[in-house]
Amino acid sequence: MHIYSVLRYGNDEEGPDGYDTEFIVLASSVKDAAEVADKELLKYPNKLVASFCEAVTLVGDSYSEATKSILLSGPVINSNTRFDFSIPMNLMWRRDTQDGEWIVLDEYLG
């Protein structure tokens, strides 16, 4: 299992250019982490921002005995700090639509 930071760009009070909505998720894959966060986002307003997560970053591995993807923390309204930690682009993914394919960041940026 892995630990992911899952983001929706912005928040409903400030819009898409405001601080991001972040979740920390224990999951076996990027897709599973996003599904956990997307289910949680359904509980919150989304008039000014997307109703789904748009970015996922692998932040570590978990050696727990958990076999099911779970929400560890969030939502937290947070400044976008993932680039401050020099995380390699092959550990970050993006998508533009809820049903869109997750694309590794360096490919996404083209």
PDB file of N, CA and C in Angstrom:
ATOM      1  N   MET A   1       0.846  -1.186   0.000  1.00  0.00           N
ATOM      2  CA  MET A   1       0.000   0.000   0.000  1.00  0.00           C
ATOM      3  C   MET A   1       0.887   1.243   0.000  1.00  0.00           C
ATOM      4  N   HIS A   2       0.348   2.299  -0.553  1.00  0.00           N
ATOM      5  CA  HIS A   2       1.080   3.559  -0.668  1.00  0.00           C
ATOM      6  C   HIS A   2       0.296   4.681   0.009  1.00  0.00           C
ATOM      7  N   ILE A   3       0.999   5.765   0.298  1.00  0.00           N
ATOM      8  CA  ILE A   3       0.365   6.955   0.855  1.00  0.00           C
ATOM      9  C   ILE A   3       0.425   8.037  -0.218  1.00  0.00           C
ATOM     10  N   TYR A   4      -0.739   8.614  -0.516  1.00  0.00           N
ATOM     11  CA  TYR A   4      -0.852   9.617  -1.562  1.00  0.00           C
ATOM     12  C   TYR A   4      -1.410  10.921  -1.011  1.00  0.00           C
ATOM     13  N   SER A   5      -0.931  12.023  -1.559  1.00  0.00           N
ATOM     14  CA  SER A   5      -1.560  13.329  -1.395  1.00  0.00           C
ATOM     15  C   SER A   5      -2.459  13.499  -2.610  1.00  0.00           C
ATOM     16  N   VAL A   6      -3.741  13.734  -2.358  1.00  0.00           N
ATOM     17  CA  VAL A   6      -4.714  13.857  -3.438  1.00  0.00           C
ATOM     18  C   VAL A   6      -5.314  15.261  -3.367  1.00  0.00           C
ATOM     19  N   LEU A   7      -5.270  15.992  -4.484  1.00  0.00           N
ATOM     20  CA  LEU A   7      -5.698  17.388  -4.493  1.00  0.00           C
ATOM     21  C   LEU A   7      -6.840  17.663  -5.450  1.00  0.00           C
ATOM     22  N   ARG A   8      -7.712  18.533  -5.000  1.00  0.00           N
ATOM     23  CA  ARG A   8      -8.622  19.248  -5.897  1.00  0.00           C
ATOM     24  C   ARG A   8      -8.061  20.660  -5.948  1.00  0.00           C
ATOM     25  N   TYR A   9      -7.906  21.210  -7.137  1.00  0.00           N
ATOM     26  CA  TYR A   9      -7.382  22.568  -7.241  1.00  0.00           C
ATOM     27  C   TYR A   9      -8.390  23.554  -6.682  1.00  0.00           C
ATOM     28  N   GLY A  10      -7.950  24.355  -5.739  1.00  0.00           N
ATOM     29  CA  GLY A  10      -8.796  25.380  -5.155  1.00  0.00           C
ATOM     30  C   GLY A  10      -9.750  24.846  -4.105  1.00  0.00           C
ATOM     31  N   ASN A  11     -10.641  25.737  -3.690  1.00  0.00           N
ATOM     32  CA  ASN A  11     -11.676  25.394  -2.718  1.00  0.00           C
ATOM     33  C   ASN A  11     -12.902  26.225  -3.040  1.00  0.00           C
ATOM     34  N   ASP A  12     -14.037  25.865  -2.461  1.00  0.00           N
ATOM     35  CA  ASP A  12     -15.280  26.511  -2.877  1.00  0.00           C
ATOM     36  C   ASP A  12     -15.389  27.961  -2.420  1.00  0.00           C
ATOM     37  N   GLU A  13     -14.694  28.352  -1.384  1.00  0.00           N
ATOM     38  CA  GLU A  13     -14.764  29.750  -0.948  1.00  0.00           C
ATOM     39  C   GLU A  13     -13.925  30.666  -1.825  1.00  0.00           C
ATOM     40  N   GLU A  14     -12.748  30.204  -2.238  1.00  0.00           N
ATOM     41  CA  GLU A  14     -11.810  31.046  -2.985  1.00  0.00           C
ATOM     42  C   GLU A  14     -11.776  30.754  -4.483  1.00  0.00           C
ATOM     43  N   GLY A  15     -12.376  29.660  -4.913  1.00  0.00           N
ATOM     44  CA  GLY A  15     -12.351  29.294  -6.318  1.00  0.00           C
ATOM     45  C   GLY A  15     -11.128  28.466  -6.679  1.00  0.00           C
ATOM     46  N   PRO A  16     -10.960  28.160  -7.975  1.00  0.00           N
ATOM     47  CA  PRO A  16      -9.892  27.255  -8.408  1.00  0.00           C
ATOM     48  C   PRO A  16      -8.480  27.807  -8.223  1.00  0.00           C
ATOM     49  N   ASP A  17      -8.334  29.112  -8.065  1.00  0.00           N
ATOM     50  CA  ASP A  17      -7.006  29.694  -7.868  1.00  0.00           C
ATOM     51  C   ASP A  17      -6.673  29.905  -6.397  1.00  0.00           C
ATOM     52  N   GLY A  18      -7.578  29.502  -5.508  1.00  0.00           N
ATOM     53  CA  GLY A  18      -7.324  29.606  -4.072  1.00  0.00           C
ATOM     54  C   GLY A  18      -6.514  28.425  -3.582  1.00  0.00           C
ATOM     55  N   TYR A  19      -6.394  28.327  -2.269  1.00  0.00           N
ATOM     56  CA  TYR A  19      -5.687  27.186  -1.687  1.00  0.00           C
ATOM     57  C   TYR A  19      -6.379  25.886  -2.088  1.00  0.00           C
ATOM     58  N   ASP A  20      -5.591  24.835  -2.259  1.00  0.00           N
ATOM     59  CA  ASP A  20      -6.111  23.552  -2.722  1.00  0.00           C
ATOM     60  C   ASP A  20      -6.764  22.764  -1.597  1.00  0.00           C
ATOM     61  N   THR A  21      -7.670  21.873  -1.986  1.00  0.00           N
ATOM     62  CA  THR A  21      -8.319  20.948  -1.068  1.00  0.00           C
ATOM     63  C   THR A  21      -7.526  19.646  -1.125  1.00  0.00           C
ATOM     64  N   GLU A  22      -6.959  19.244   0.007  1.00  0.00           N
ATOM     65  CA  GLU A  22      -6.045  18.100   0.022  1.00  0.00           C
ATOM     66  C   GLU A  22      -6.551  16.982   0.923  1.00  0.00           C
ATOM     67  N   PHE A  23      -6.314  15.768   0.469  1.00  0.00           N
ATOM     68  CA  PHE A  23      -6.594  14.561   1.238  1.00  0.00           C
ATOM     69  C   PHE A  23      -5.319  13.724   1.284  1.00  0.00           C
ATOM     70  N   ILE A  24      -5.124  13.008   2.367  1.00  0.00           N
ATOM     71  CA  ILE A  24      -4.058  12.013   2.455  1.00  0.00           C
ATOM     72  C   ILE A  24      -4.757  10.657   2.471  1.00  0.00           C
ATOM     73  N   VAL A  25      -4.372   9.806   1.533  1.00  0.00           N
ATOM     74  CA  VAL A  25      -5.087   8.547   1.312  1.00  0.00           C
ATOM     75  C   VAL A  25      -4.104   7.378   1.300  1.00  0.00           C
ATOM     76  N   LEU A  26      -4.480   6.309   1.966  1.00  0.00           N
ATOM     77  CA  LEU A  26      -3.770   5.036   1.900  1.00  0.00           C
ATOM     78  C   LEU A  26      -4.452   4.217   0.812  1.00  0.00           C
ATOM     79  N   ALA A  27      -3.695   3.828  -0.219  1.00  0.00           N
ATOM     80  CA  ALA A  27      -4.298   3.104  -1.338  1.00  0.00           C
ATOM     81  C   ALA A  27      -3.236   2.284  -2.059  1.00  0.00           C
ATOM     82  N   SER A  28      -3.719   1.359  -2.872  1.00  0.00           N
ATOM     83  CA  SER A  28      -2.799   0.507  -3.622  1.00  0.00           C
ATOM     84  C   SER A  28      -2.416   1.106  -4.970  1.00  0.00           C
ATOM     85  N   SER A  29      -3.159   2.135  -5.420  1.00  0.00           N
ATOM     86  CA  SER A  29      -2.874   2.734  -6.726  1.00  0.00           C
ATOM     87  C   SER A  29      -3.360   4.180  -6.765  1.00  0.00           C
ATOM     88  N   VAL A  30      -2.898   4.897  -7.769  1.00  0.00           N
ATOM     89  CA  VAL A  30      -3.344   6.278  -7.986  1.00  0.00           C
ATOM     90  C   VAL A  30      -4.858   6.309  -8.176  1.00  0.00           C
ATOM     91  N   LYS A  31      -5.359   5.403  -9.000  1.00  0.00           N
ATOM     92  CA  LYS A  31      -6.799   5.356  -9.276  1.00  0.00           C
ATOM     93  C   LYS A  31      -7.596   5.125  -7.992  1.00  0.00           C
ATOM     94  N   ASP A  32      -7.164   4.194  -7.168  1.00  0.00           N
ATOM     95  CA  ASP A  32      -7.870   3.924  -5.912  1.00  0.00           C
ATOM     96  C   ASP A  32      -7.816   5.124  -4.973  1.00  0.00           C
ATOM     97  N   ALA A  33      -6.679   5.794  -4.908  1.00  0.00           N
ATOM     98  CA  ALA A  33      -6.556   6.982  -4.057  1.00  0.00           C
ATOM     99  C   ALA A  33      -7.521   8.067  -4.520  1.00  0.00           C
ATOM    100  N   ALA A  34      -7.602   8.268  -5.822  1.00  0.00           N
ATOM    101  CA  ALA A  34      -8.512   9.275  -6.368  1.00  0.00           C
ATOM    102  C   ALA A  34      -9.970   8.929  -6.081  1.00  0.00           C
ATOM    103  N   GLU A  35     -10.321   7.665  -6.183  1.00  0.00           N
ATOM    104  CA  GLU A  35     -11.704   7.256  -5.910  1.00  0.00           C
ATOM    105  C   GLU A  35     -12.094   7.547  -4.467  1.00  0.00           C
ATOM    106  N   VAL A  36     -11.188   7.313  -3.534  1.00  0.00           N
ATOM    107  CA  VAL A  36     -11.460   7.609  -2.121  1.00  0.00           C
ATOM    108  C   VAL A  36     -11.704   9.105  -1.944  1.00  0.00           C
ATOM    109  N   ALA A  37     -10.838   9.927  -2.516  1.00  0.00           N
ATOM    110  CA  ALA A  37     -10.983  11.379  -2.389  1.00  0.00           C
ATOM    111  C   ALA A  37     -12.237  11.879  -3.103  1.00  0.00           C
ATOM    112  N   ASP A  38     -12.521  11.348  -4.280  1.00  0.00           N
ATOM    113  CA  ASP A  38     -13.710  11.777  -5.019  1.00  0.00           C
ATOM    114  C   ASP A  38     -14.990  11.496  -4.240  1.00  0.00           C
ATOM    115  N   LYS A  39     -15.062  10.354  -3.592  1.00  0.00           N
ATOM    116  CA  LYS A  39     -16.243  10.036  -2.772  1.00  0.00           C
ATOM    117  C   LYS A  39     -16.386  11.033  -1.634  1.00  0.00           C
ATOM    118  N   GLU A  40     -15.274  11.418  -1.044  1.00  0.00           N
ATOM    119  CA  GLU A  40     -15.305  12.389   0.055  1.00  0.00           C
ATOM    120  C   GLU A  40     -15.705  13.776  -0.453  1.00  0.00           C
ATOM    121  N   LEU A  41     -15.237  14.149  -1.633  1.00  0.00           N
ATOM    122  CA  LEU A  41     -15.558  15.466  -2.192  1.00  0.00           C
ATOM    123  C   LEU A  41     -17.044  15.640  -2.470  1.00  0.00           C
ATOM    124  N   LEU A  42     -17.756  14.551  -2.679  1.00  0.00           N
ATOM    125  CA  LEU A  42     -19.201  14.634  -2.909  1.00  0.00           C
ATOM    126  C   LEU A  42     -19.937  15.217  -1.710  1.00  0.00           C
ATOM    127  N   LYS A  43     -19.327  15.178  -0.544  1.00  0.00           N
ATOM    128  CA  LYS A  43     -19.950  15.674   0.686  1.00  0.00           C
ATOM    129  C   LYS A  43     -19.804  17.183   0.850  1.00  0.00           C
ATOM    130  N   TYR A  44     -19.009  17.829  -0.009  1.00  0.00           N
ATOM    131  CA  TYR A  44     -18.665  19.235   0.178  1.00  0.00           C
ATOM    132  C   TYR A  44     -19.104  20.072  -1.015  1.00  0.00           C
ATOM    133  N   PRO A  45     -19.265  21.386  -0.802  1.00  0.00           N
ATOM    134  CA  PRO A  45     -19.677  22.269  -1.899  1.00  0.00           C
ATOM    135  C   PRO A  45     -18.671  22.254  -3.042  1.00  0.00           C
ATOM    136  N   ASN A  46     -19.193  22.439  -4.242  1.00  0.00           N
ATOM    137  CA  ASN A  46     -18.308  22.501  -5.406  1.00  0.00           C
ATOM    138  C   ASN A  46     -18.876  23.433  -6.470  1.00  0.00           C
ATOM    139  N   LYS A  47     -19.444  24.550  -6.045  1.00  0.00           N
ATOM    140  CA  LYS A  47     -20.018  25.495  -7.002  1.00  0.00           C
ATOM    141  C   LYS A  47     -18.943  26.221  -7.804  1.00  0.00           C
ATOM    142  N   LEU A  48     -17.809  26.506  -7.185  1.00  0.00           N
ATOM    143  CA  LEU A  48     -16.749  27.275  -7.840  1.00  0.00           C
ATOM    144  C   LEU A  48     -15.585  26.419  -8.321  1.00  0.00           C
ATOM    145  N   VAL A  49     -15.555  25.171  -7.928  1.00  0.00           N
ATOM    146  CA  VAL A  49     -14.425  24.293  -8.246  1.00  0.00           C
ATOM    147  C   VAL A  49     -14.934  22.937  -8.717  1.00  0.00           C
ATOM    148  N   ALA A  50     -14.028  22.125  -9.216  1.00  0.00           N
ATOM    149  CA  ALA A  50     -14.381  20.785  -9.688  1.00  0.00           C
ATOM    150  C   ALA A  50     -14.897  19.926  -8.537  1.00  0.00           C
ATOM    151  N   SER A  51     -15.731  18.978  -8.869  1.00  0.00           N
ATOM    152  CA  SER A  51     -16.268  18.056  -7.858  1.00  0.00           C
ATOM    153  C   SER A  51     -15.435  16.780  -7.769  1.00  0.00           C
ATOM    154  N   PHE A  52     -14.237  16.814  -8.325  1.00  0.00           N
ATOM    155  CA  PHE A  52     -13.352  15.648  -8.332  1.00  0.00           C
ATOM    156  C   PHE A  52     -11.913  16.116  -8.134  1.00  0.00           C
ATOM    157  N   CYS A  53     -11.049  15.182  -7.774  1.00  0.00           N
ATOM    158  CA  CYS A  53      -9.637  15.532  -7.584  1.00  0.00           C
ATOM    159  C   CYS A  53      -8.926  15.579  -8.935  1.00  0.00           C
ATOM    160  N   GLU A  54      -7.902  16.416  -8.990  1.00  0.00           N
ATOM    161  CA  GLU A  54      -7.207  16.656 -10.249  1.00  0.00           C
ATOM    162  C   GLU A  54      -5.722  16.320 -10.212  1.00  0.00           C
ATOM    163  N   ALA A  55      -5.194  16.074  -9.012  1.00  0.00           N
ATOM    164  CA  ALA A  55      -3.759  15.804  -8.885  1.00  0.00           C
ATOM    165  C   ALA A  55      -3.518  14.777  -7.787  1.00  0.00           C
ATOM    166  N   VAL A  56      -2.592  13.882  -8.039  1.00  0.00           N
ATOM    167  CA  VAL A  56      -2.203  12.870  -7.052  1.00  0.00           C
ATOM    168  C   VAL A  56      -0.677  12.816  -7.015  1.00  0.00           C
ATOM    169  N   THR A  57      -0.136  12.757  -5.798  1.00  0.00           N
ATOM    170  CA  THR A  57       1.309  12.634  -5.611  1.00  0.00           C
ATOM    171  C   THR A  57       1.593  11.482  -4.655  1.00  0.00           C
ATOM    172  N   LEU A  58       2.478  10.598  -5.050  1.00  0.00           N
ATOM    173  CA  LEU A  58       2.926   9.523  -4.162  1.00  0.00           C
ATOM    174  C   LEU A  58       3.888  10.126  -3.152  1.00  0.00           C
ATOM    175  N   VAL A  59       3.557  10.008  -1.868  1.00  0.00           N
ATOM    176  CA  VAL A  59       4.424  10.595  -0.840  1.00  0.00           C
ATOM    177  C   VAL A  59       5.137   9.553   0.009  1.00  0.00           C
ATOM    178  N   GLY A  60       4.746   8.289  -0.115  1.00  0.00           N
ATOM    179  CA  GLY A  60       5.439   7.267   0.656  1.00  0.00           C
ATOM    180  C   GLY A  60       4.764   5.922   0.576  1.00  0.00           C
ATOM    181  N   ASP A  61       5.349   4.971   1.253  1.00  0.00           N
ATOM    182  CA  ASP A  61       4.812   3.617   1.329  1.00  0.00           C
ATOM    183  C   ASP A  61       4.346   3.338   2.743  1.00  0.00           C
ATOM    184  N   SER A  62       3.363   2.459   2.846  1.00  0.00           N
ATOM    185  CA  SER A  62       2.862   2.053   4.151  1.00  0.00           C
ATOM    186  C   SER A  62       3.139   0.568   4.322  1.00  0.00           C
ATOM    187  N   TYR A  63       3.561   0.217   5.495  1.00  0.00           N
ATOM    188  CA  TYR A  63       3.823  -1.190   5.780  1.00  0.00           C
ATOM    189  C   TYR A  63       2.811  -1.741   6.766  1.00  0.00           C
ATOM    190  N   SER A  64       1.638  -1.097   6.787  1.00  0.00           N
ATOM    191  CA  SER A  64       0.560  -1.586   7.644  1.00  0.00           C
ATOM    192  C   SER A  64      -0.027  -2.846   7.017  1.00  0.00           C
ATOM    193  N   GLU A  65      -0.894  -3.478   7.745  1.00  0.00           N
ATOM    194  CA  GLU A  65      -1.541  -4.683   7.242  1.00  0.00           C
ATOM    195  C   GLU A  65      -2.831  -4.367   6.507  1.00  0.00           C
ATOM    196  N   ALA A  66      -3.122  -3.091   6.306  1.00  0.00           N
ATOM    197  CA  ALA A  66      -4.345  -2.686   5.616  1.00  0.00           C
ATOM    198  C   ALA A  66      -4.336  -3.202   4.183  1.00  0.00           C
ATOM    199  N   THR A  67      -5.484  -3.646   3.737  1.00  0.00           N
ATOM    200  CA  THR A  67      -5.626  -4.112   2.364  1.00  0.00           C
ATOM    201  C   THR A  67      -6.686  -3.324   1.614  1.00  0.00           C
ATOM    202  N   LYS A  68      -7.353  -2.416   2.304  1.00  0.00           N
ATOM    203  CA  LYS A  68      -8.420  -1.615   1.719  1.00  0.00           C
ATOM    204  C   LYS A  68      -7.993  -0.150   1.698  1.00  0.00           C
ATOM    205  N   SER A  69      -8.296   0.538   0.606  1.00  0.00           N
ATOM    206  CA  SER A  69      -7.976   1.957   0.499  1.00  0.00           C
ATOM    207  C   SER A  69      -8.830   2.750   1.477  1.00  0.00           C
ATOM    208  N   ILE A  70      -8.185   3.686   2.202  1.00  0.00           N
ATOM    209  CA  ILE A  70      -8.911   4.477   3.201  1.00  0.00           C
ATOM    210  C   ILE A  70      -8.395   5.917   3.221  1.00  0.00           C
ATOM    211  N   LEU A  71      -9.274   6.796   3.667  1.00  0.00           N
ATOM    212  CA  LEU A  71      -8.924   8.193   3.880  1.00  0.00           C
ATOM    213  C   LEU A  71      -8.201   8.304   5.211  1.00  0.00           C
ATOM    214  N   LEU A  72      -6.998   8.861   5.200  1.00  0.00           N
ATOM    215  CA  LEU A  72      -6.232   9.042   6.431  1.00  0.00           C
ATOM    216  C   LEU A  72      -6.435  10.431   7.016  1.00  0.00           C
ATOM    217  N   SER A  73      -6.590  11.434   6.139  1.00  0.00           N
ATOM    218  CA  SER A  73      -6.718  12.815   6.593  1.00  0.00           C
ATOM    219  C   SER A  73      -7.386  13.649   5.515  1.00  0.00           C
ATOM    220  N   GLY A  74      -8.179  14.616   5.945  1.00  0.00           N
ATOM    221  CA  GLY A  74      -8.752  15.563   5.004  1.00  0.00           C
ATOM    222  C   GLY A  74     -10.253  15.596   5.051  1.00  0.00           C
ATOM    223  N   PRO A  75     -10.787  16.606   4.432  1.00  0.00           N
ATOM    224  CA  PRO A  75     -10.085  17.576   3.602  1.00  0.00           C
ATOM    225  C   PRO A  75      -9.388  18.648   4.431  1.00  0.00           C
ATOM    226  N   VAL A  76      -8.277  19.105   3.904  1.00  0.00           N
ATOM    227  CA  VAL A  76      -7.529  20.216   4.478  1.00  0.00           C
ATOM    228  C   VAL A  76      -7.367  21.247   3.365  1.00  0.00           C
ATOM    229  N   ILE A  77      -7.653  22.505   3.665  1.00  0.00           N
ATOM    230  CA  ILE A  77      -7.405  23.573   2.703  1.00  0.00           C
ATOM    231  C   ILE A  77      -5.959  23.997   2.917  1.00  0.00           C
ATOM    232  N   ASN A  78      -5.149  23.819   1.884  1.00  0.00           N
ATOM    233  CA  ASN A  78      -3.707  23.905   2.049  1.00  0.00           C
ATOM    234  C   ASN A  78      -3.069  24.605   0.859  1.00  0.00           C
ATOM    235  N   SER A  79      -1.978  25.290   1.096  1.00  0.00           N
ATOM    236  CA  SER A  79      -1.219  25.843  -0.027  1.00  0.00           C
ATOM    237  C   SER A  79      -0.575  24.687  -0.775  1.00  0.00           C
ATOM    238  N   ASN A  80      -0.391  24.868  -2.038  1.00  0.00           N
ATOM    239  CA  ASN A  80       0.159  23.817  -2.884  1.00  0.00           C
ATOM    240  C   ASN A  80       1.655  23.698  -2.616  1.00  0.00           C
ATOM    241  N   THR A  81       2.061  22.666  -1.891  1.00  0.00           N
ATOM    242  CA  THR A  81       3.460  22.534  -1.493  1.00  0.00           C
ATOM    243  C   THR A  81       4.179  21.367  -2.152  1.00  0.00           C
ATOM    244  N   ARG A  82       3.533  20.613  -3.015  1.00  0.00           N
ATOM    245  CA  ARG A  82       4.160  19.396  -3.523  1.00  0.00           C
ATOM    246  C   ARG A  82       5.442  19.662  -4.303  1.00  0.00           C
ATOM    247  N   PHE A  83       5.586  20.832  -4.945  1.00  0.00           N
ATOM    248  CA  PHE A  83       6.813  21.116  -5.683  1.00  0.00           C
ATOM    249  C   PHE A  83       7.935  21.561  -4.753  1.00  0.00           C
ATOM    250  N   ASP A  84       7.600  21.973  -3.543  1.00  0.00           N
ATOM    251  CA  ASP A  84       8.612  22.431  -2.595  1.00  0.00           C
ATOM    252  C   ASP A  84       9.477  21.293  -2.071  1.00  0.00           C
ATOM    253  N   PHE A  85       9.051  20.071  -2.233  1.00  0.00           N
ATOM    254  CA  PHE A  85       9.764  18.927  -1.679  1.00  0.00           C
ATOM    255  C   PHE A  85      10.611  18.206  -2.715  1.00  0.00           C
ATOM    256  N   SER A  86      10.734  18.763  -3.890  1.00  0.00           N
ATOM    257  CA  SER A  86      11.533  18.175  -4.972  1.00  0.00           C
ATOM    258  C   SER A  86      11.114  16.744  -5.275  1.00  0.00           C
ATOM    259  N   ILE A  87       9.825  16.513  -5.290  1.00  0.00           N
ATOM    260  CA  ILE A  87       9.306  15.182  -5.628  1.00  0.00           C
ATOM    261  C   ILE A  87       9.471  14.977  -7.133  1.00  0.00           C
ATOM    262  N   PRO A  88      10.042  13.864  -7.553  1.00  0.00           N
ATOM    263  CA  PRO A  88      10.209  13.609  -8.985  1.00  0.00           C
ATOM    264  C   PRO A  88       8.868  13.610  -9.719  1.00  0.00           C
ATOM    265  N   MET A  89       8.882  14.106 -10.958  1.00  0.00           N
ATOM    266  CA  MET A  89       7.631  14.221 -11.715  1.00  0.00           C
ATOM    267  C   MET A  89       7.015  12.870 -12.044  1.00  0.00           C
ATOM    268  N   ASN A  90       7.796  11.793 -11.988  1.00  0.00           N
ATOM    269  CA  ASN A  90       7.220  10.478 -12.272  1.00  0.00           C
ATOM    270  C   ASN A  90       6.434   9.932 -11.077  1.00  0.00           C
ATOM    271  N   LEU A  91       6.378  10.683  -9.972  1.00  0.00           N
ATOM    272  CA  LEU A  91       5.579  10.294  -8.804  1.00  0.00           C
ATOM    273  C   LEU A  91       4.372  11.208  -8.628  1.00  0.00           C
ATOM    274  N   MET A  92       4.063  11.994  -9.686  1.00  0.00           N
ATOM    275  CA  MET A  92       2.911  12.893  -9.665  1.00  0.00           C
ATOM    276  C   MET A  92       2.072  12.643 -10.911  1.00  0.00           C
ATOM    277  N   TRP A  93       0.749  12.700 -10.746  1.00  0.00           N
ATOM    278  CA  TRP A  93      -0.171  12.443 -11.840  1.00  0.00           C
ATOM    279  C   TRP A  93      -1.210  13.552 -11.909  1.00  0.00           C
ATOM    280  N   ARG A  94      -1.780  13.761 -13.116  1.00  0.00           N
ATOM    281  CA  ARG A  94      -2.822  14.757 -13.330  1.00  0.00           C
ATOM    282  C   ARG A  94      -3.911  14.176 -14.214  1.00  0.00           C
ATOM    283  N   ARG A  95      -5.098  14.787 -14.075  1.00  0.00           N
ATOM    284  CA  ARG A  95      -6.194  14.514 -15.004  1.00  0.00           C
ATOM    285  C   ARG A  95      -7.027  15.783 -15.100  1.00  0.00           C
ATOM    286  N   ASP A  96      -7.767  15.914 -16.199  1.00  0.00           N
ATOM    287  CA  ASP A  96      -8.568  17.115 -16.418  1.00  0.00           C
ATOM    288  C   ASP A  96     -10.063  16.887 -16.238  1.00  0.00           C
ATOM    289  N   THR A  97     -10.496  15.642 -16.281  1.00  0.00           N
ATOM    290  CA  THR A  97     -11.916  15.324 -16.117  1.00  0.00           C
ATOM    291  C   THR A  97     -12.062  14.178 -15.125  1.00  0.00           C
ATOM    292  N   GLN A  98     -13.254  14.043 -14.573  1.00  0.00           N
ATOM    293  CA  GLN A  98     -13.460  13.010 -13.561  1.00  0.00           C
ATOM    294  C   GLN A  98     -13.221  11.610 -14.107  1.00  0.00           C
ATOM    295  N   ASP A  99     -13.574  11.382 -15.338  1.00  0.00           N
ATOM    296  CA  ASP A  99     -13.366  10.064 -15.939  1.00  0.00           C
ATOM    297  C   ASP A  99     -12.067   9.988 -16.736  1.00  0.00           C
ATOM    298  N   GLY A 100     -11.274  11.050 -16.661  1.00  0.00           N
ATOM    299  CA  GLY A 100     -10.037  11.102 -17.433  1.00  0.00           C
ATOM    300  C   GLY A 100      -8.977  10.147 -16.921  1.00  0.00           C
ATOM    301  N   GLU A 101      -8.074   9.827 -17.813  1.00  0.00           N
ATOM    302  CA  GLU A 101      -6.952   8.943 -17.477  1.00  0.00           C
ATOM    303  C   GLU A 101      -5.929   9.714 -16.643  1.00  0.00           C
ATOM    304  N   TRP A 102      -5.354   9.050 -15.656  1.00  0.00           N
ATOM    305  CA  TRP A 102      -4.283   9.651 -14.862  1.00  0.00           C
ATOM    306  C   TRP A 102      -3.005   9.610 -15.679  1.00  0.00           C
ATOM    307  N   ILE A 103      -2.372  10.777 -15.843  1.00  0.00           N
ATOM    308  CA  ILE A 103      -1.173  10.903 -16.668  1.00  0.00           C
ATOM    309  C   ILE A 103      -0.019  11.379 -15.789  1.00  0.00           C
ATOM    310  N   VAL A 104       1.130  10.721 -15.903  1.00  0.00           N
ATOM    311  CA  VAL A 104       2.325  11.124 -15.160  1.00  0.00           C
ATOM    312  C   VAL A 104       2.636  12.576 -15.522  1.00  0.00           C
ATOM    313  N   LEU A 105       3.050  13.358 -14.532  1.00  0.00           N
ATOM    314  CA  LEU A 105       3.175  14.804 -14.703  1.00  0.00           C
ATOM    315  C   LEU A 105       4.075  15.221 -15.858  1.00  0.00           C
ATOM    316  N   ASP A 106       5.229  14.591 -16.035  1.00  0.00           N
ATOM    317  CA  ASP A 106       6.104  15.036 -17.120  1.00  0.00           C
ATOM    318  C   ASP A 106       5.465  14.819 -18.488  1.00  0.00           C
ATOM    319  N   GLU A 107       4.669  13.759 -18.650  1.00  0.00           N
ATOM    320  CA  GLU A 107       3.930  13.536 -19.896  1.00  0.00           C
ATOM    321  C   GLU A 107       2.774  14.523 -20.015  1.00  0.00           C
ATOM    322  N   TYR A 108       2.103  14.788 -18.900  1.00  0.00           N
ATOM    323  CA  TYR A 108       0.979  15.724 -18.878  1.00  0.00           C
ATOM    324  C   TYR A 108       1.423  17.118 -19.324  1.00  0.00           C
ATOM    325  N   LEU A 109       2.584  17.539 -18.857  1.00  0.00           N
ATOM    326  CA  LEU A 109       3.090  18.867 -19.203  1.00  0.00           C
ATOM    327  C   LEU A 109       3.634  18.934 -20.625  1.00  0.00           C
ATOM    328  N   GLY A 110       3.883  17.738 -21.200  1.00  0.00           N
ATOM    329  CA  GLY A 110       4.321  17.634 -22.578  1.00  0.00           C
ATOM    330  C   GLY A 110       5.709  18.065 -22.782  1.00  0.00           C
TER     331      GLY A 110
END
